[in-house]
């Protein structure tokens, strides 16, 4: 789903509980890293927006 020129919806999997989450990604933040808690298990998920602006890398705090 497209929201605007710089925002799109991405589906990522929680590295802790495995649930699929829909998140909004701002492509102007490419190369940025941020933390968002899982909506189900509340564990912190570290997300990195790749420089292409359309790839989201997801990992735990311990990786």
PDB file of N, CA and C in Angstrom:
ATOM      1  N   UNK A   1       0.845  -1.181   0.000  1.00  0.00           N
ATOM      2  CA  UNK A   1       0.000   0.000   0.000  1.00  0.00           C
ATOM      3  C   UNK A   1       0.889   1.243   0.000  1.00  0.00           C
ATOM      4  N   UNK A   2       0.686   2.160  -0.918  1.00  0.00           N
ATOM      5  CA  UNK A   2       1.434   3.407  -0.998  1.00  0.00           C
ATOM      6  C   UNK A   2       0.686   4.491  -0.229  1.00  0.00           C
ATOM      7  N   UNK A   3       1.407   5.271   0.584  1.00  0.00           N
ATOM      8  CA  UNK A   3       0.803   6.362   1.335  1.00  0.00           C
ATOM      9  C   UNK A   3       1.220   7.718   0.804  1.00  0.00           C
ATOM     10  N   UNK A   4       2.362   7.797   0.179  1.00  0.00           N
ATOM     11  CA  UNK A   4       2.885   9.044  -0.351  1.00  0.00           C
ATOM     12  C   UNK A   4       4.196   8.753  -1.035  1.00  0.00           C
ATOM     13  N   UNK A   5       4.847   9.795  -1.493  1.00  0.00           N
ATOM     14  CA  UNK A   5       6.098   9.609  -2.225  1.00  0.00           C
ATOM     15  C   UNK A   5       7.188   9.003  -1.352  1.00  0.00           C
ATOM     16  N   UNK A   6       7.131   9.222  -0.039  1.00  0.00           N
ATOM     17  CA  UNK A   6       8.214   8.782   0.827  1.00  0.00           C
ATOM     18  C   UNK A   6       7.807   7.725   1.850  1.00  0.00           C
ATOM     19  N   UNK A   7       6.554   7.303   1.878  1.00  0.00           N
ATOM     20  CA  UNK A   7       6.096   6.350   2.889  1.00  0.00           C
ATOM     21  C   UNK A   7       5.419   5.156   2.215  1.00  0.00           C
ATOM     22  N   UNK A   8       5.790   3.940   2.661  1.00  0.00           N
ATOM     23  CA  UNK A   8       5.106   2.748   2.172  1.00  0.00           C
ATOM     24  C   UNK A   8       4.929   1.767   3.324  1.00  0.00           C
ATOM     25  N   UNK A   9       4.017   0.831   3.141  1.00  0.00           N
ATOM     26  CA  UNK A   9       3.751  -0.177   4.159  1.00  0.00           C
ATOM     27  C   UNK A   9       4.578  -1.422   3.852  1.00  0.00           C
ATOM     28  N   UNK A  10       5.286  -1.930   4.866  1.00  0.00           N
ATOM     29  CA  UNK A  10       6.109  -3.132   4.708  1.00  0.00           C
ATOM     30  C   UNK A  10       5.648  -4.191   5.698  1.00  0.00           C
ATOM     31  N   UNK A  11       5.836  -5.445   5.320  1.00  0.00           N
ATOM     32  CA  UNK A  11       5.519  -6.566   6.209  1.00  0.00           C
ATOM     33  C   UNK A  11       6.840  -7.141   6.705  1.00  0.00           C
ATOM     34  N   UNK A  12       6.998  -7.201   8.029  1.00  0.00           N
ATOM     35  CA  UNK A  12       8.210  -7.758   8.625  1.00  0.00           C
ATOM     36  C   UNK A  12       7.808  -8.819   9.640  1.00  0.00           C
ATOM     37  N   UNK A  13       8.735  -9.715   9.931  1.00  0.00           N
ATOM     38  CA  UNK A  13       8.470 -10.770  10.903  1.00  0.00           C
ATOM     39  C   UNK A  13       9.242 -10.475  12.175  1.00  0.00           C
ATOM     40  N   UNK A  14       8.558 -10.544  13.320  1.00  0.00           N
ATOM     41  CA  UNK A  14       9.207 -10.333  14.608  1.00  0.00           C
ATOM     42  C   UNK A  14      10.249 -11.437  14.813  1.00  0.00           C
ATOM     43  N   UNK A  15      11.508 -11.073  15.109  1.00  0.00           N
ATOM     44  CA  UNK A  15      12.543 -12.089  15.307  1.00  0.00           C
ATOM     45  C   UNK A  15      12.392 -12.846  16.625  1.00  0.00           C
ATOM     46  N   UNK A  16      11.497 -12.406  17.499  1.00  0.00           N
ATOM     47  CA  UNK A  16      11.276 -13.063  18.786  1.00  0.00           C
ATOM     48  C   UNK A  16      10.124 -14.066  18.732  1.00  0.00           C
ATOM     49  N   UNK A  17       8.926 -13.587  18.341  1.00  0.00           N
ATOM     50  CA  UNK A  17       7.739 -14.451  18.398  1.00  0.00           C
ATOM     51  C   UNK A  17       7.273 -14.927  17.023  1.00  0.00           C
ATOM     52  N   UNK A  18       7.809 -14.351  15.945  1.00  0.00           N
ATOM     53  CA  UNK A  18       7.490 -14.811  14.601  1.00  0.00           C
ATOM     54  C   UNK A  18       6.252 -14.203  13.967  1.00  0.00           C
ATOM     55  N   UNK A  19       5.524 -13.363  14.680  1.00  0.00           N
ATOM     56  CA  UNK A  19       4.317 -12.759  14.122  1.00  0.00           C
ATOM     57  C   UNK A  19       4.699 -11.815  12.973  1.00  0.00           C
ATOM     58  N   UNK A  20       3.827 -11.720  11.972  1.00  0.00           N
ATOM     59  CA  UNK A  20       4.029 -10.801  10.853  1.00  0.00           C
ATOM     60  C   UNK A  20       3.415  -9.453  11.226  1.00  0.00           C
ATOM     61  N   UNK A  21       4.197  -8.387  11.095  1.00  0.00           N
ATOM     62  CA  UNK A  21       3.753  -7.040  11.437  1.00  0.00           C
ATOM     63  C   UNK A  21       3.730  -6.172  10.187  1.00  0.00           C
ATOM     64  N   UNK A  22       2.765  -5.286  10.104  1.00  0.00           N
ATOM     65  CA  UNK A  22       2.720  -4.274   9.052  1.00  0.00           C
ATOM     66  C   UNK A  22       3.252  -2.984   9.651  1.00  0.00           C
ATOM     67  N   UNK A  23       4.287  -2.427   9.032  1.00  0.00           N
ATOM     68  CA  UNK A  23       4.868  -1.188   9.532  1.00  0.00           C
ATOM     69  C   UNK A  23       4.904  -0.161   8.413  1.00  0.00           C
ATOM     70  N   UNK A  24       4.902   1.108   8.777  1.00  0.00           N
ATOM     71  CA  UNK A  24       5.060   2.177   7.805  1.00  0.00           C
ATOM     72  C   UNK A  24       6.533   2.542   7.746  1.00  0.00           C
ATOM     73  N   UNK A  25       7.073   2.613   6.535  1.00  0.00           N
ATOM     74  CA  UNK A  25       8.483   2.918   6.328  1.00  0.00           C
ATOM     75  C   UNK A  25       8.597   4.238   5.579  1.00  0.00           C
ATOM     76  N   UNK A  26       9.378   5.144   6.134  1.00  0.00           N
ATOM     77  CA  UNK A  26       9.641   6.432   5.497  1.00  0.00           C
ATOM     78  C   UNK A  26      10.922   6.291   4.685  1.00  0.00           C
ATOM     79  N   UNK A  27      10.821   6.306   3.358  1.00  0.00           N
ATOM     80  CA  UNK A  27      11.989   6.087   2.500  1.00  0.00           C
ATOM     81  C   UNK A  27      13.000   7.223   2.586  1.00  0.00           C
ATOM     82  N   UNK A  28      12.603   8.359   3.113  1.00  0.00           N
ATOM     83  CA  UNK A  28      13.568   9.450   3.281  1.00  0.00           C
ATOM     84  C   UNK A  28      14.531   9.144   4.424  1.00  0.00           C
ATOM     85  N   UNK A  29      14.235   8.103   5.213  1.00  0.00           N
ATOM     86  CA  UNK A  29      15.096   7.697   6.326  1.00  0.00           C
ATOM     87  C   UNK A  29      16.059   6.589   5.931  1.00  0.00           C
ATOM     88  N   UNK A  30      16.359   6.421   4.641  1.00  0.00           N
ATOM     89  CA  UNK A  30      17.219   5.321   4.211  1.00  0.00           C
ATOM     90  C   UNK A  30      18.561   5.387   4.922  1.00  0.00           C
ATOM     91  N   UNK A  31      19.024   4.226   5.356  1.00  0.00           N
ATOM     92  CA  UNK A  31      20.259   4.126   6.117  1.00  0.00           C
ATOM     93  C   UNK A  31      20.065   4.358   7.602  1.00  0.00           C
ATOM     94  N   UNK A  32      18.875   4.740   8.005  1.00  0.00           N
ATOM     95  CA  UNK A  32      18.588   4.999   9.412  1.00  0.00           C
ATOM     96  C   UNK A  32      18.237   3.710  10.142  1.00  0.00           C
ATOM     97  N   UNK A  33      18.432   3.714  11.447  1.00  0.00           N
ATOM     98  CA  UNK A  33      18.099   2.576  12.294  1.00  0.00           C
ATOM     99  C   UNK A  33      17.171   3.068  13.395  1.00  0.00           C
ATOM    100  N   UNK A  34      16.135   2.313  13.684  1.00  0.00           N
ATOM    101  CA  UNK A  34      15.245   2.679  14.774  1.00  0.00           C
ATOM    102  C   UNK A  34      14.710   1.424  15.436  1.00  0.00           C
ATOM    103  N   UNK A  35      14.138   1.600  16.621  1.00  0.00           N
ATOM    104  CA  UNK A  35      13.619   0.481  17.407  1.00  0.00           C
ATOM    105  C   UNK A  35      12.114   0.638  17.537  1.00  0.00           C
ATOM    106  N   UNK A  36      11.408  -0.458  17.279  1.00  0.00           N
ATOM    107  CA  UNK A  36       9.956  -0.486  17.435  1.00  0.00           C
ATOM    108  C   UNK A  36       9.602  -1.758  18.191  1.00  0.00           C
ATOM    109  N   UNK A  37       8.755  -1.643  19.199  1.00  0.00           N
ATOM    110  CA  UNK A  37       8.346  -2.822  19.964  1.00  0.00           C
ATOM    111  C   UNK A  37       7.339  -3.645  19.176  1.00  0.00           C
ATOM    112  N   UNK A  38       7.465  -4.977  19.275  1.00  0.00           N
ATOM    113  CA  UNK A  38       6.507  -5.879  18.643  1.00  0.00           C
ATOM    114  C   UNK A  38       5.132  -5.631  19.257  1.00  0.00           C
ATOM    115  N   UNK A  39       4.113  -5.598  18.433  1.00  0.00           N
ATOM    116  CA  UNK A  39       2.748  -5.356  18.902  1.00  0.00           C
ATOM    117  C   UNK A  39       2.182  -6.536  19.671  1.00  0.00           C
ATOM    118  N   UNK A  40       2.808  -7.717  19.551  1.00  0.00           N
ATOM    119  CA  UNK A  40       2.303  -8.914  20.216  1.00  0.00           C
ATOM    120  C   UNK A  40       3.107  -9.244  21.471  1.00  0.00           C
ATOM    121  N   UNK A  41       4.443  -9.392  21.324  1.00  0.00           N
ATOM    122  CA  UNK A  41       5.262  -9.820  22.465  1.00  0.00           C
ATOM    123  C   UNK A  41       5.972  -8.662  23.168  1.00  0.00           C
ATOM    124  N   UNK A  42       5.877  -7.457  22.622  1.00  0.00           N
ATOM    125  CA  UNK A  42       6.440  -6.230  23.196  1.00  0.00           C
ATOM    126  C   UNK A  42       7.965  -6.197  23.260  1.00  0.00           C
ATOM    127  N   UNK A  43       8.643  -7.125  22.595  1.00  0.00           N
ATOM    128  CA  UNK A  43      10.106  -7.113  22.561  1.00  0.00           C
ATOM    129  C   UNK A  43      10.581  -6.059  21.560  1.00  0.00           C
ATOM    130  N   UNK A  44      11.741  -5.438  21.838  1.00  0.00           N
ATOM    131  CA  UNK A  44      12.254  -4.403  20.936  1.00  0.00           C
ATOM    132  C   UNK A  44      12.846  -4.993  19.661  1.00  0.00           C
ATOM    133  N   UNK A  45      12.387  -4.507  18.516  1.00  0.00           N
ATOM    134  CA  UNK A  45      12.881  -4.955  17.213  1.00  0.00           C
ATOM    135  C   UNK A  45      13.695  -3.808  16.618  1.00  0.00           C
ATOM    136  N   UNK A  46      14.942  -4.090  16.257  1.00  0.00           N
ATOM    137  CA  UNK A  46      15.781  -3.082  15.616  1.00  0.00           C
ATOM    138  C   UNK A  46      15.553  -3.180  14.115  1.00  0.00           C
ATOM    139  N   UNK A  47      15.176  -2.066  13.512  1.00  0.00           N
ATOM    140  CA  UNK A  47      14.894  -2.031  12.080  1.00  0.00           C
ATOM    141  C   UNK A  47      15.833  -1.039  11.414  1.00  0.00           C
ATOM    142  N   UNK A  48      16.405  -1.459  10.294  1.00  0.00           N
ATOM    143  CA  UNK A  48      17.285  -0.598   9.512  1.00  0.00           C
ATOM    144  C   UNK A  48      16.695  -0.456   8.115  1.00  0.00           C
ATOM    145  N   UNK A  49      16.550   0.785   7.662  1.00  0.00           N
ATOM    146  CA  UNK A  49      16.060   1.048   6.318  1.00  0.00           C
ATOM    147  C   UNK A  49      17.278   1.058   5.395  1.00  0.00           C
ATOM    148  N   UNK A  50      17.298   0.171   4.401  1.00  0.00           N
ATOM    149  CA  UNK A  50      18.432   0.074   3.475  1.00  0.00           C
ATOM    150  C   UNK A  50      18.535   1.326   2.618  1.00  0.00           C
ATOM    151  N   UNK A  51      19.706   1.525   2.044  1.00  0.00           N
ATOM    152  CA  UNK A  51      19.948   2.726   1.240  1.00  0.00           C
ATOM    153  C   UNK A  51      19.067   2.803  -0.005  1.00  0.00           C
ATOM    154  N   UNK A  52      18.500   1.644  -0.436  1.00  0.00           N
ATOM    155  CA  UNK A  52      17.584   1.687  -1.585  1.00  0.00           C
ATOM    156  C   UNK A  52      16.219   2.250  -1.196  1.00  0.00           C
ATOM    157  N   UNK A  53      15.983   2.383   0.128  1.00  0.00           N
ATOM    158  CA  UNK A  53      14.736   2.955   0.611  1.00  0.00           C
ATOM    159  C   UNK A  53      13.553   2.019   0.585  1.00  0.00           C
ATOM    160  N   UNK A  54      13.740   0.771   0.119  1.00  0.00           N
ATOM    161  CA  UNK A  54      12.623  -0.161   0.017  1.00  0.00           C
ATOM    162  C   UNK A  54      12.897  -1.493   0.693  1.00  0.00           C
ATOM    163  N   UNK A  55      14.003  -1.606   1.417  1.00  0.00           N
ATOM    164  CA  UNK A  55      14.339  -2.840   2.106  1.00  0.00           C
ATOM    165  C   UNK A  55      14.468  -2.546   3.593  1.00  0.00           C
ATOM    166  N   UNK A  56      13.828  -3.376   4.419  1.00  0.00           N
ATOM    167  CA  UNK A  56      13.887  -3.215   5.864  1.00  0.00           C
ATOM    168  C   UNK A  56      14.576  -4.433   6.450  1.00  0.00           C
ATOM    169  N   UNK A  57      15.686  -4.222   7.159  1.00  0.00           N
ATOM    170  CA  UNK A  57      16.403  -5.289   7.849  1.00  0.00           C
ATOM    171  C   UNK A  57      15.904  -5.311   9.282  1.00  0.00           C
ATOM    172  N   UNK A  58      15.552  -6.501   9.781  1.00  0.00           N
ATOM    173  CA  UNK A  58      14.997  -6.647  11.120  1.00  0.00           C
ATOM    174  C   UNK A  58      15.900  -7.563  11.929  1.00  0.00           C
ATOM    175  N   UNK A  59      16.213  -7.153  13.176  1.00  0.00           N
ATOM    176  CA  UNK A  59      17.043  -7.999  14.035  1.00  0.00           C
ATOM    177  C   UNK A  59      16.742  -7.727  15.502  1.00  0.00           C
ATOM    178  N   UNK A  60      17.276  -8.604  16.365  1.00  0.00           N
ATOM    179  CA  UNK A  60      17.107  -8.438  17.806  1.00  0.00           C
ATOM    180  C   UNK A  60      18.219  -7.551  18.341  1.00  0.00           C
ATOM    181  N   UNK A  61      18.102  -7.142  19.599  1.00  0.00           N
ATOM    182  CA  UNK A  61      19.127  -6.310  20.223  1.00  0.00           C
ATOM    183  C   UNK A  61      20.445  -7.052  20.382  1.00  0.00           C
ATOM    184  N   UNK A  62      20.405  -8.377  20.488  1.00  0.00           N
ATOM    185  CA  UNK A  62      21.601  -9.166  20.754  1.00  0.00           C
ATOM    186  C   UNK A  62      22.381  -9.544  19.511  1.00  0.00           C
ATOM    187  N   UNK A  63      21.915  -9.181  18.335  1.00  0.00           N
ATOM    188  CA  UNK A  63      22.615  -9.556  17.093  1.00  0.00           C
ATOM    189  C   UNK A  63      23.624  -8.507  16.706  1.00  0.00           C
TER     190      UNK A  63
END
